[in-house]
Structures are given as C-alpha cells and as structure tokens.
C-alpha cells in the first residue's frame, strides 16, 4: 500500500534545517553510507549527484549542536499536483535517541504545508507512518 499525508490535517512545527545543494554531495553521500551500514542493507541504489541537482528536488539538511551535518531528506517536488514525495532520508545514527527520522518527517510536513502543498507522499506502508497526523492510504486517482 502506498501512503501519504494530507497536509491540511497536520499541526506540526518545523525544526531547524537548511536547504542543501550539490556542494554538500560528499557529506550527503557519507551520511547515506553510514545509514546503509547501520541498517544492514544488503544492497542500495547509489545516491547520484544528479539526484541532488534536479530542478524538482529539494534536499533538506539537519545539523547537530556542533554544526555537523548528520541527516538529510531528498524530496521530490510536484508543483502541478501540489504534492511532494519523500524519496530518501538518511542519518548517521551517532545518537539514536534523537529519533531524527520522526522529527524530520514531522518538520517536513510543516514546511510543505506552509509552502502551500496538499500532499506529502511517503511510499510503502509501515506502522510508524500510520501515527502521523493526516495519514492516509493513497487511493488510485484520489
């Protein structure tokens, strides 16, 4: 099942973040590598610099209190449909108790709601996604 968040049904706040670009590719790729190792993935698709440079892509970065980039979300933007889609999230897990995956997703819901988007597509169903405000199963042509 494919999932999404109806952003008007959310009430989250944004956390501190920055928009990254291709100059951050080395840091982003390093985080992606650490994330993949931590998760024990047997296989991953590489993260290409072209993914970051696409005009309908936004990469949101998160830093720790020391200023080190520790996480990113690669978001695909579809203005014609007032929708965004979570393509890739990764963080280095150096401090797992931060639960940065949950915090960043809620922050991104707040950001894209503020920017006037209607839906945030999340991909396949996982239980943790169902806890999000505005969560729904994406139905064909709805």
Foldseek 3Di string as FASTA:
>chain_A
DWKKFFLVQADFAADDKDWDALVCVVVAQVQVVLQCVVVVPPDDDHDDNVLRVDPQWTKIWDADPVRRTFKIWIKGHDVVQLEIETDDIGGNPPPVVVVVVVNNVRNVSVVSVVVPGGMYIYTDDDVVQVPGGRMDHDDPPD
